[in-house]
Amino acid sequence: MVFGTKNITFHSIKIIAPEDSPYIDRIHIGHSSAVTIVDTNIETRDDCVSIGDGIEQVTITSVTCGPSHGISIGSLGKYNIELPMNDIL
């Protein structure tokens, strides 16, 4: 969980979830800015990366996901107090 963070980079990491692991997003980003994920391999059965509200300047490049839902942006609209999302690359 990346929450309330500024200027963080995930570079060349590998995350492997066992086959019997629960369906849990592996990297979840919310209320953060200047987050970079690059050259990373994430093996999971749910979202490799999920992006919630209140984020800006998120860059994701050269990320391998699978088997999974991939990279998810959103699940927004449930609450009236959600913050905007900007600059997702």
PDB file of N, CA and C in Angstrom:
ATOM      1  N   MET A   1       0.853  -1.170   0.000  1.00  0.00           N
ATOM      2  CA  MET A   1       0.000   0.000   0.000  1.00  0.00           C
ATOM      3  C   MET A   1       0.892   1.225   0.000  1.00  0.00           C
ATOM      4  N   VAL A   2       0.672   2.077  -0.978  1.00  0.00           N
ATOM      5  CA  VAL A   2       1.366   3.353  -1.061  1.00  0.00           C
ATOM      6  C   VAL A   2       0.297   4.411  -0.802  1.00  0.00           C
ATOM      7  N   PHE A   3       0.338   5.036   0.367  1.00  0.00           N
ATOM      8  CA  PHE A   3      -0.715   5.976   0.750  1.00  0.00           C
ATOM      9  C   PHE A   3      -0.080   7.182   1.424  1.00  0.00           C
ATOM     10  N   GLY A   4      -0.413   8.374   0.932  1.00  0.00           N
ATOM     11  CA  GLY A   4       0.125   9.597   1.524  1.00  0.00           C
ATOM     12  C   GLY A   4       1.611   9.749   1.281  1.00  0.00           C
ATOM     13  N   THR A   5       2.077   9.261   0.142  1.00  0.00           N
ATOM     14  CA  THR A   5       3.503   9.256  -0.164  1.00  0.00           C
ATOM     15  C   THR A   5       3.811  10.217  -1.297  1.00  0.00           C
ATOM     16  N   LYS A   6       5.014  10.754  -1.283  1.00  0.00           N
ATOM     17  CA  LYS A   6       5.457  11.643  -2.343  1.00  0.00           C
ATOM     18  C   LYS A   6       6.867  11.235  -2.767  1.00  0.00           C
ATOM     19  N   ASN A   7       7.088  11.158  -4.089  1.00  0.00           N
ATOM     20  CA  ASN A   7       8.409  10.845  -4.643  1.00  0.00           C
ATOM     21  C   ASN A   7       8.921   9.461  -4.230  1.00  0.00           C
ATOM     22  N   ILE A   8       8.254   8.432  -4.703  1.00  0.00           N
ATOM     23  CA  ILE A   8       8.695   7.067  -4.435  1.00  0.00           C
ATOM     24  C   ILE A   8       8.819   6.318  -5.764  1.00  0.00           C
ATOM     25  N   THR A   9       9.842   5.476  -5.872  1.00  0.00           N
ATOM     26  CA  THR A   9      10.064   4.689  -7.085  1.00  0.00           C
ATOM     27  C   THR A   9      10.222   3.224  -6.726  1.00  0.00           C
ATOM     28  N   PHE A  10       9.493   2.377  -7.460  1.00  0.00           N
ATOM     29  CA  PHE A  10       9.686   0.928  -7.417  1.00  0.00           C
ATOM     30  C   PHE A  10      10.456   0.583  -8.679  1.00  0.00           C
ATOM     31  N   HIS A  11      11.665   0.070  -8.558  1.00  0.00           N
ATOM     32  CA  HIS A  11      12.491  -0.221  -9.733  1.00  0.00           C
ATOM     33  C   HIS A  11      13.060  -1.634  -9.631  1.00  0.00           C
ATOM     34  N   SER A  12      12.818  -2.415 -10.677  1.00  0.00           N
ATOM     35  CA  SER A  12      13.381  -3.769 -10.788  1.00  0.00           C
ATOM     36  C   SER A  12      13.037  -4.649  -9.595  1.00  0.00           C
ATOM     37  N   ILE A  13      11.760  -4.643  -9.201  1.00  0.00           N
ATOM     38  CA  ILE A  13      11.345  -5.540  -8.128  1.00  0.00           C
ATOM     39  C   ILE A  13      10.529  -6.680  -8.716  1.00  0.00           C
ATOM     40  N   LYS A  14      10.432  -7.739  -7.954  1.00  0.00           N
ATOM     41  CA  LYS A  14       9.632  -8.894  -8.366  1.00  0.00           C
ATOM     42  C   LYS A  14       8.743  -9.290  -7.192  1.00  0.00           C
ATOM     43  N   ILE A  15       7.448  -9.367  -7.451  1.00  0.00           N
ATOM     44  CA  ILE A  15       6.479  -9.762  -6.436  1.00  0.00           C
ATOM     45  C   ILE A  15       5.791 -11.020  -6.939  1.00  0.00           C
ATOM     46  N   ILE A  16       5.865 -12.091  -6.166  1.00  0.00           N
ATOM     47  CA  ILE A  16       5.232 -13.352  -6.553  1.00  0.00           C
ATOM     48  C   ILE A  16       4.267 -13.767  -5.455  1.00  0.00           C
ATOM     49  N   ALA A  17       3.008 -13.922  -5.827  1.00  0.00           N
ATOM     50  CA  ALA A  17       2.001 -14.382  -4.872  1.00  0.00           C
ATOM     51  C   ALA A  17       1.799 -15.884  -5.075  1.00  0.00           C
ATOM     52  N   PRO A  18       1.784 -16.665  -4.002  1.00  0.00           N
ATOM     53  CA  PRO A  18       1.528 -18.100  -4.136  1.00  0.00           C
ATOM     54  C   PRO A  18       0.156 -18.354  -4.744  1.00  0.00           C
ATOM     55  N   GLU A  19      -0.003 -19.503  -5.394  1.00  0.00           N
ATOM     56  CA  GLU A  19      -1.276 -19.825  -6.039  1.00  0.00           C
ATOM     57  C   GLU A  19      -2.451 -19.801  -5.074  1.00  0.00           C
ATOM     58  N   ASP A  20      -2.230 -20.130  -3.805  1.00  0.00           N
ATOM     59  CA  ASP A  20      -3.332 -20.186  -2.843  1.00  0.00           C
ATOM     60  C   ASP A  20      -3.508 -18.871  -2.079  1.00  0.00           C
ATOM     61  N   SER A  21      -2.840 -17.803  -2.516  1.00  0.00           N
ATOM     62  CA  SER A  21      -2.971 -16.534  -1.813  1.00  0.00           C
ATOM     63  C   SER A  21      -4.325 -15.909  -2.121  1.00  0.00           C
ATOM     64  N   PRO A  22      -4.823 -15.066  -1.202  1.00  0.00           N
ATOM     65  CA  PRO A  22      -6.114 -14.410  -1.444  1.00  0.00           C
ATOM     66  C   PRO A  22      -6.004 -13.411  -2.594  1.00  0.00           C
ATOM     67  N   TYR A  23      -7.138 -13.054  -3.134  1.00  0.00           N
ATOM     68  CA  TYR A  23      -7.185 -12.051  -4.198  1.00  0.00           C
ATOM     69  C   TYR A  23      -6.972 -10.680  -3.585  1.00  0.00           C
ATOM     70  N   ILE A  24      -5.725 -10.232  -3.615  1.00  0.00           N
ATOM     71  CA  ILE A  24      -5.341  -8.956  -3.017  1.00  0.00           C
ATOM     72  C   ILE A  24      -4.494  -8.194  -4.030  1.00  0.00           C
ATOM     73  N   ASP A  25      -4.779  -6.900  -4.215  1.00  0.00           N
ATOM     74  CA  ASP A  25      -3.943  -6.078  -5.075  1.00  0.00           C
ATOM     75  C   ASP A  25      -2.537  -6.052  -4.494  1.00  0.00           C
ATOM     76  N   ARG A  26      -1.538  -6.145  -5.349  1.00  0.00           N
ATOM     77  CA  ARG A  26      -0.159  -6.216  -4.858  1.00  0.00           C
ATOM     78  C   ARG A  26       0.446  -4.840  -4.595  1.00  0.00           C
ATOM     79  N   ILE A  27       0.232  -3.872  -5.459  1.00  0.00           N
ATOM     80  CA  ILE A  27       0.648  -2.496  -5.176  1.00  0.00           C
ATOM     81  C   ILE A  27      -0.598  -1.632  -5.328  1.00  0.00           C
ATOM     82  N   HIS A  28      -1.043  -1.011  -4.247  1.00  0.00           N
ATOM     83  CA  HIS A  28      -2.198  -0.112  -4.306  1.00  0.00           C
ATOM     84  C   HIS A  28      -1.706   1.297  -3.989  1.00  0.00           C
ATOM     85  N   ILE A  29      -2.090   2.256  -4.841  1.00  0.00           N
ATOM     86  CA  ILE A  29      -1.640   3.642  -4.686  1.00  0.00           C
ATOM     87  C   ILE A  29      -2.847   4.537  -4.436  1.00  0.00           C
ATOM     88  N   GLY A  30      -2.788   5.364  -3.418  1.00  0.00           N
ATOM     89  CA  GLY A  30      -3.847   6.327  -3.127  1.00  0.00           C
ATOM     90  C   GLY A  30      -3.288   7.529  -2.390  1.00  0.00           C
ATOM     91  N   HIS A  31      -3.873   8.693  -2.609  1.00  0.00           N
ATOM     92  CA  HIS A  31      -3.497   9.935  -1.918  1.00  0.00           C
ATOM     93  C   HIS A  31      -1.986  10.166  -1.973  1.00  0.00           C
ATOM     94  N   SER A  32      -1.394   9.968  -3.138  1.00  0.00           N
ATOM     95  CA  SER A  32       0.059  10.085  -3.305  1.00  0.00           C
ATOM     96  C   SER A  32       0.390  10.837  -4.580  1.00  0.00           C
ATOM     97  N   SER A  33       1.641  11.317  -4.677  1.00  0.00           N
ATOM     98  CA  SER A  33       2.089  11.984  -5.892  1.00  0.00           C
ATOM     99  C   SER A  33       3.523  11.579  -6.207  1.00  0.00           C
ATOM    100  N   ALA A  34       3.848  11.695  -7.495  1.00  0.00           N
ATOM    101  CA  ALA A  34       5.187  11.375  -7.998  1.00  0.00           C
ATOM    102  C   ALA A  34       5.577   9.937  -7.652  1.00  0.00           C
ATOM    103  N   VAL A  35       4.734   8.996  -8.098  1.00  0.00           N
ATOM    104  CA  VAL A  35       4.986   7.566  -7.880  1.00  0.00           C
ATOM    105  C   VAL A  35       5.396   6.955  -9.217  1.00  0.00           C
ATOM    106  N   THR A  36       6.518   6.233  -9.230  1.00  0.00           N
ATOM    107  CA  THR A  36       7.010   5.586 -10.442  1.00  0.00           C
ATOM    108  C   THR A  36       7.187   4.097 -10.181  1.00  0.00           C
ATOM    109  N   ILE A  37       6.685   3.293 -11.123  1.00  0.00           N
ATOM    110  CA  ILE A  37       6.897   1.841 -11.087  1.00  0.00           C
ATOM    111  C   ILE A  37       7.503   1.477 -12.429  1.00  0.00           C
ATOM    112  N   VAL A  38       8.717   0.919 -12.431  1.00  0.00           N
ATOM    113  CA  VAL A  38       9.433   0.648 -13.674  1.00  0.00           C
ATOM    114  C   VAL A  38      10.201  -0.668 -13.582  1.00  0.00           C
ATOM    115  N   ASP A  39      10.287  -1.369 -14.726  1.00  0.00           N
ATOM    116  CA  ASP A  39      11.041  -2.624 -14.833  1.00  0.00           C
ATOM    117  C   ASP A  39      10.709  -3.584 -13.694  1.00  0.00           C
ATOM    118  N   THR A  40       9.438  -3.863 -13.540  1.00  0.00           N
ATOM    119  CA  THR A  40       8.959  -4.653 -12.415  1.00  0.00           C
ATOM    120  C   THR A  40       8.117  -5.820 -12.911  1.00  0.00           C
ATOM    121  N   ASN A  41       8.187  -6.946 -12.212  1.00  0.00           N
ATOM    122  CA  ASN A  41       7.427  -8.148 -12.536  1.00  0.00           C
ATOM    123  C   ASN A  41       6.540  -8.493 -11.348  1.00  0.00           C
ATOM    124  N   ILE A  42       5.227  -8.567 -11.596  1.00  0.00           N
ATOM    125  CA  ILE A  42       4.281  -8.860 -10.521  1.00  0.00           C
ATOM    126  C   ILE A  42       3.427 -10.053 -10.941  1.00  0.00           C
ATOM    127  N   GLU A  43       3.523 -11.149 -10.202  1.00  0.00           N
ATOM    128  CA  GLU A  43       2.749 -12.347 -10.480  1.00  0.00           C
ATOM    129  C   GLU A  43       1.708 -12.511  -9.376  1.00  0.00           C
ATOM    130  N   THR A  44       0.448 -12.303  -9.734  1.00  0.00           N
ATOM    131  CA  THR A  44      -0.633 -12.358  -8.766  1.00  0.00           C
ATOM    132  C   THR A  44      -1.917 -12.746  -9.479  1.00  0.00           C
ATOM    133  N   ARG A  45      -2.959 -13.061  -8.714  1.00  0.00           N
ATOM    134  CA  ARG A  45      -4.242 -13.410  -9.316  1.00  0.00           C
ATOM    135  C   ARG A  45      -5.228 -12.248  -9.262  1.00  0.00           C
ATOM    136  N   ASP A  46      -4.826 -11.127  -8.721  1.00  0.00           N
ATOM    137  CA  ASP A  46      -5.693  -9.944  -8.667  1.00  0.00           C
ATOM    138  C   ASP A  46      -4.977  -8.808  -9.387  1.00  0.00           C
ATOM    139  N   ASP A  47      -5.271  -7.560  -9.037  1.00  0.00           N
ATOM    140  CA  ASP A  47      -4.618  -6.432  -9.698  1.00  0.00           C
ATOM    141  C   ASP A  47      -3.135  -6.398  -9.361  1.00  0.00           C
ATOM    142  N   CYS A  48      -2.303  -6.251 -10.381  1.00  0.00           N
ATOM    143  CA  CYS A  48      -0.873  -6.049 -10.124  1.00  0.00           C
ATOM    144  C   CYS A  48      -0.668  -4.691  -9.466  1.00  0.00           C
ATOM    145  N   VAL A  49      -1.286  -3.680 -10.072  1.00  0.00           N
ATOM    146  CA  VAL A  49      -1.234  -2.316  -9.545  1.00  0.00           C
ATOM    147  C   VAL A  49      -2.658  -1.773  -9.580  1.00  0.00           C
ATOM    148  N   SER A  50      -3.118  -1.229  -8.490  1.00  0.00           N
ATOM    149  CA  SER A  50      -4.425  -0.564  -8.460  1.00  0.00           C
ATOM    150  C   SER A  50      -4.216   0.873  -8.014  1.00  0.00           C
ATOM    151  N   ILE A  51      -4.956   1.772  -8.668  1.00  0.00           N
ATOM    152  CA  ILE A  51      -4.798   3.197  -8.424  1.00  0.00           C
ATOM    153  C   ILE A  51      -6.129   3.761  -7.943  1.00  0.00           C
ATOM    154  N   GLY A  52      -6.109   4.348  -6.752  1.00  0.00           N
ATOM    155  CA  GLY A  52      -7.312   4.929  -6.171  1.00  0.00           C
ATOM    156  C   GLY A  52      -7.319   6.436  -6.300  1.00  0.00           C
ATOM    157  N   ASP A  53      -8.154   7.079  -5.525  1.00  0.00           N
ATOM    158  CA  ASP A  53      -8.321   8.529  -5.639  1.00  0.00           C
ATOM    159  C   ASP A  53      -7.162   9.285  -4.999  1.00  0.00           C
ATOM    160  N   GLY A  54      -7.110  10.574  -5.330  1.00  0.00           N
ATOM    161  CA  GLY A  54      -6.127  11.456  -4.717  1.00  0.00           C
ATOM    162  C   GLY A  54      -4.705  11.241  -5.188  1.00  0.00           C
ATOM    163  N   ILE A  55      -4.539  10.802  -6.425  1.00  0.00           N
ATOM    164  CA  ILE A  55      -3.177  10.574  -6.918  1.00  0.00           C
ATOM    165  C   ILE A  55      -2.881  11.527  -8.064  1.00  0.00           C
ATOM    166  N   GLU A  56      -1.592  11.833  -8.225  1.00  0.00           N
ATOM    167  CA  GLU A  56      -1.141  12.592  -9.377  1.00  0.00           C
ATOM    168  C   GLU A  56       0.308  12.232  -9.674  1.00  0.00           C
ATOM    169  N   GLN A  57       0.651  12.367 -10.931  1.00  0.00           N
ATOM    170  CA  GLN A  57       1.995  12.073 -11.414  1.00  0.00           C
ATOM    171  C   GLN A  57       2.404  10.632 -11.117  1.00  0.00           C
ATOM    172  N   VAL A  58       1.621   9.696 -11.608  1.00  0.00           N
ATOM    173  CA  VAL A  58       1.959   8.278 -11.495  1.00  0.00           C
ATOM    174  C   VAL A  58       2.443   7.804 -12.861  1.00  0.00           C
ATOM    175  N   THR A  59       3.628   7.187 -12.894  1.00  0.00           N
ATOM    176  CA  THR A  59       4.193   6.670 -14.128  1.00  0.00           C
ATOM    177  C   THR A  59       4.474   5.179 -13.962  1.00  0.00           C
ATOM    178  N   ILE A  60       3.940   4.390 -14.891  1.00  0.00           N
ATOM    179  CA  ILE A  60       4.135   2.939 -14.861  1.00  0.00           C
ATOM    180  C   ILE A  60       4.687   2.532 -16.221  1.00  0.00           C
ATOM    181  N   THR A  61       5.920   1.992 -16.250  1.00  0.00           N
ATOM    182  CA  THR A  61       6.531   1.559 -17.502  1.00  0.00           C
ATOM    183  C   THR A  61       7.255   0.237 -17.304  1.00  0.00           C
ATOM    184  N   SER A  62       7.230  -0.555 -18.364  1.00  0.00           N
ATOM    185  CA  SER A  62       7.939  -1.844 -18.385  1.00  0.00           C
ATOM    186  C   SER A  62       7.566  -2.722 -17.193  1.00  0.00           C
ATOM    187  N   VAL A  63       6.261  -2.873 -16.967  1.00  0.00           N
ATOM    188  CA  VAL A  63       5.770  -3.722 -15.888  1.00  0.00           C
ATOM    189  C   VAL A  63       5.106  -4.940 -16.506  1.00  0.00           C
ATOM    190  N   THR A  64       5.513  -6.127 -16.043  1.00  0.00           N
ATOM    191  CA  THR A  64       4.920  -7.379 -16.490  1.00  0.00           C
ATOM    192  C   THR A  64       3.974  -7.870 -15.410  1.00  0.00           C
ATOM    193  N   CYS A  65       2.713  -8.143 -15.791  1.00  0.00           N
ATOM    194  CA  CYS A  65       1.701  -8.626 -14.860  1.00  0.00           C
ATOM    195  C   CYS A  65       1.169  -9.975 -15.336  1.00  0.00           C
ATOM    196  N   GLY A  66       0.828 -10.831 -14.389  1.00  0.00           N
ATOM    197  CA  GLY A  66       0.116 -12.021 -14.808  1.00  0.00           C
ATOM    198  C   GLY A  66       0.296 -13.187 -13.865  1.00  0.00           C
ATOM    199  N   PRO A  67      -0.586 -14.123 -13.875  1.00  0.00           N
ATOM    200  CA  PRO A  67      -1.925 -13.968 -14.443  1.00  0.00           C
ATOM    201  C   PRO A  67      -2.746 -13.084 -13.513  1.00  0.00           C
ATOM    202  N   SER A  68      -3.349 -12.065 -14.065  1.00  0.00           N
ATOM    203  CA  SER A  68      -4.034 -11.115 -13.188  1.00  0.00           C
ATOM    204  C   SER A  68      -4.992 -10.245 -13.978  1.00  0.00           C
ATOM    205  N   HIS A  69      -5.577  -9.279 -13.268  1.00  0.00           N
ATOM    206  CA  HIS A  69      -6.412  -8.275 -13.902  1.00  0.00           C
ATOM    207  C   HIS A  69      -5.565  -7.167 -14.496  1.00  0.00           C
ATOM    208  N   GLY A  70      -4.290  -7.125 -14.192  1.00  0.00           N
ATOM    209  CA  GLY A  70      -3.400  -6.102 -14.728  1.00  0.00           C
ATOM    210  C   GLY A  70      -3.376  -4.858 -13.872  1.00  0.00           C
ATOM    211  N   ILE A  71      -3.401  -3.718 -14.526  1.00  0.00           N
ATOM    212  CA  ILE A  71      -3.340  -2.428 -13.850  1.00  0.00           C
ATOM    213  C   ILE A  71      -4.736  -1.822 -13.872  1.00  0.00           C
ATOM    214  N   SER A  72      -5.279  -1.524 -12.704  1.00  0.00           N
ATOM    215  CA  SER A  72      -6.646  -0.998 -12.587  1.00  0.00           C
ATOM    216  C   SER A  72      -6.630   0.429 -12.073  1.00  0.00           C
ATOM    217  N   ILE A  73      -7.418   1.260 -12.735  1.00  0.00           N
ATOM    218  CA  ILE A  73      -7.558   2.643 -12.309  1.00  0.00           C
ATOM    219  C   ILE A  73      -9.011   2.859 -11.934  1.00  0.00           C
ATOM    220  N   GLY A  74      -9.240   3.259 -10.703  1.00  0.00           N
ATOM    221  CA  GLY A  74     -10.601   3.611 -10.370  1.00  0.00           C
ATOM    222  C   GLY A  74     -11.200   2.928  -9.176  1.00  0.00           C
ATOM    223  N   SER A  75     -12.397   2.369  -9.375  1.00  0.00           N
ATOM    224  CA  SER A  75     -13.299   1.999  -8.290  1.00  0.00           C
ATOM    225  C   SER A  75     -13.749   3.280  -7.611  1.00  0.00           C
ATOM    226  N   LEU A  76     -14.022   4.269  -8.438  1.00  0.00           N
ATOM    227  CA  LEU A  76     -14.415   5.581  -7.933  1.00  0.00           C
ATOM    228  C   LEU A  76     -15.926   5.744  -7.986  1.00  0.00           C
ATOM    229  N   GLY A  77     -16.419   6.720  -7.260  1.00  0.00           N
ATOM    230  CA  GLY A  77     -17.828   7.062  -7.303  1.00  0.00           C
ATOM    231  C   GLY A  77     -18.646   6.561  -6.135  1.00  0.00           C
ATOM    232  N   LYS A  78     -18.009   5.805  -5.248  1.00  0.00           N
ATOM    233  CA  LYS A  78     -18.743   5.273  -4.101  1.00  0.00           C
ATOM    234  C   LYS A  78     -18.956   6.344  -3.026  1.00  0.00           C
ATOM    235  N   TYR A  79     -17.979   7.240  -2.891  1.00  0.00           N
ATOM    236  CA  TYR A  79     -18.046   8.258  -1.841  1.00  0.00           C
ATOM    237  C   TYR A  79     -17.987   9.655  -2.457  1.00  0.00           C
ATOM    238  N   ASN A  80     -18.659  10.601  -1.846  1.00  0.00           N
ATOM    239  CA  ASN A  80     -18.659  11.979  -2.327  1.00  0.00           C
ATOM    240  C   ASN A  80     -17.372  12.727  -2.016  1.00  0.00           C
ATOM    241  N   ILE A  81     -16.540  12.199  -1.149  1.00  0.00           N
ATOM    242  CA  ILE A  81     -15.336  12.906  -0.720  1.00  0.00           C
ATOM    243  C   ILE A  81     -14.082  12.460  -1.468  1.00  0.00           C
ATOM    244  N   GLU A  82     -14.227  11.710  -2.548  1.00  0.00           N
ATOM    245  CA  GLU A  82     -13.068  11.228  -3.292  1.00  0.00           C
ATOM    246  C   GLU A  82     -12.323  12.388  -3.944  1.00  0.00           C
ATOM    247  N   LEU A  83     -11.015  12.273  -3.951  1.00  0.00           N
ATOM    248  CA  LEU A  83     -10.162  13.306  -4.534  1.00  0.00           C
ATOM    249  C   LEU A  83      -9.904  12.997  -6.008  1.00  0.00           C
ATOM    250  N   PRO A  84      -9.560  14.016  -6.800  1.00  0.00           N
ATOM    251  CA  PRO A  84      -9.307  13.785  -8.227  1.00  0.00           C
ATOM    252  C   PRO A  84      -8.053  12.964  -8.486  1.00  0.00           C
ATOM    253  N   MET A  85      -7.977  12.441  -9.717  1.00  0.00           N
ATOM    254  CA  MET A  85      -6.799  11.707 -10.189  1.00  0.00           C
ATOM    255  C   MET A  85      -6.253  12.479 -11.380  1.00  0.00           C
ATOM    256  N   ASN A  86      -4.927  12.713 -11.391  1.00  0.00           N
ATOM    257  CA  ASN A  86      -4.308  13.494 -12.464  1.00  0.00           C
ATOM    258  C   ASN A  86      -2.966  12.900 -12.886  1.00  0.00           C
ATOM    259  N   ASP A  87      -2.635  13.073 -14.152  1.00  0.00           N
ATOM    260  CA  ASP A  87      -1.310  12.729 -14.699  1.00  0.00           C
ATOM    261  C   ASP A  87      -0.913  11.283 -14.457  1.00  0.00           C
ATOM    262  N   ILE A  88      -1.703  10.377 -14.995  1.00  0.00           N
ATOM    263  CA  ILE A  88      -1.374   8.955 -14.931  1.00  0.00           C
ATOM    264  C   ILE A  88      -0.779   8.575 -16.277  1.00  0.00           C
ATOM    265  N   LEU A  89       0.469   8.148 -16.273  1.00  0.00           N
ATOM    266  CA  LEU A  89       1.167   7.806 -17.515  1.00  0.00           C
ATOM    267  C   LEU A  89       1.542   6.331 -17.537  1.00  0.00           C
TER     268      LEU A  89
END
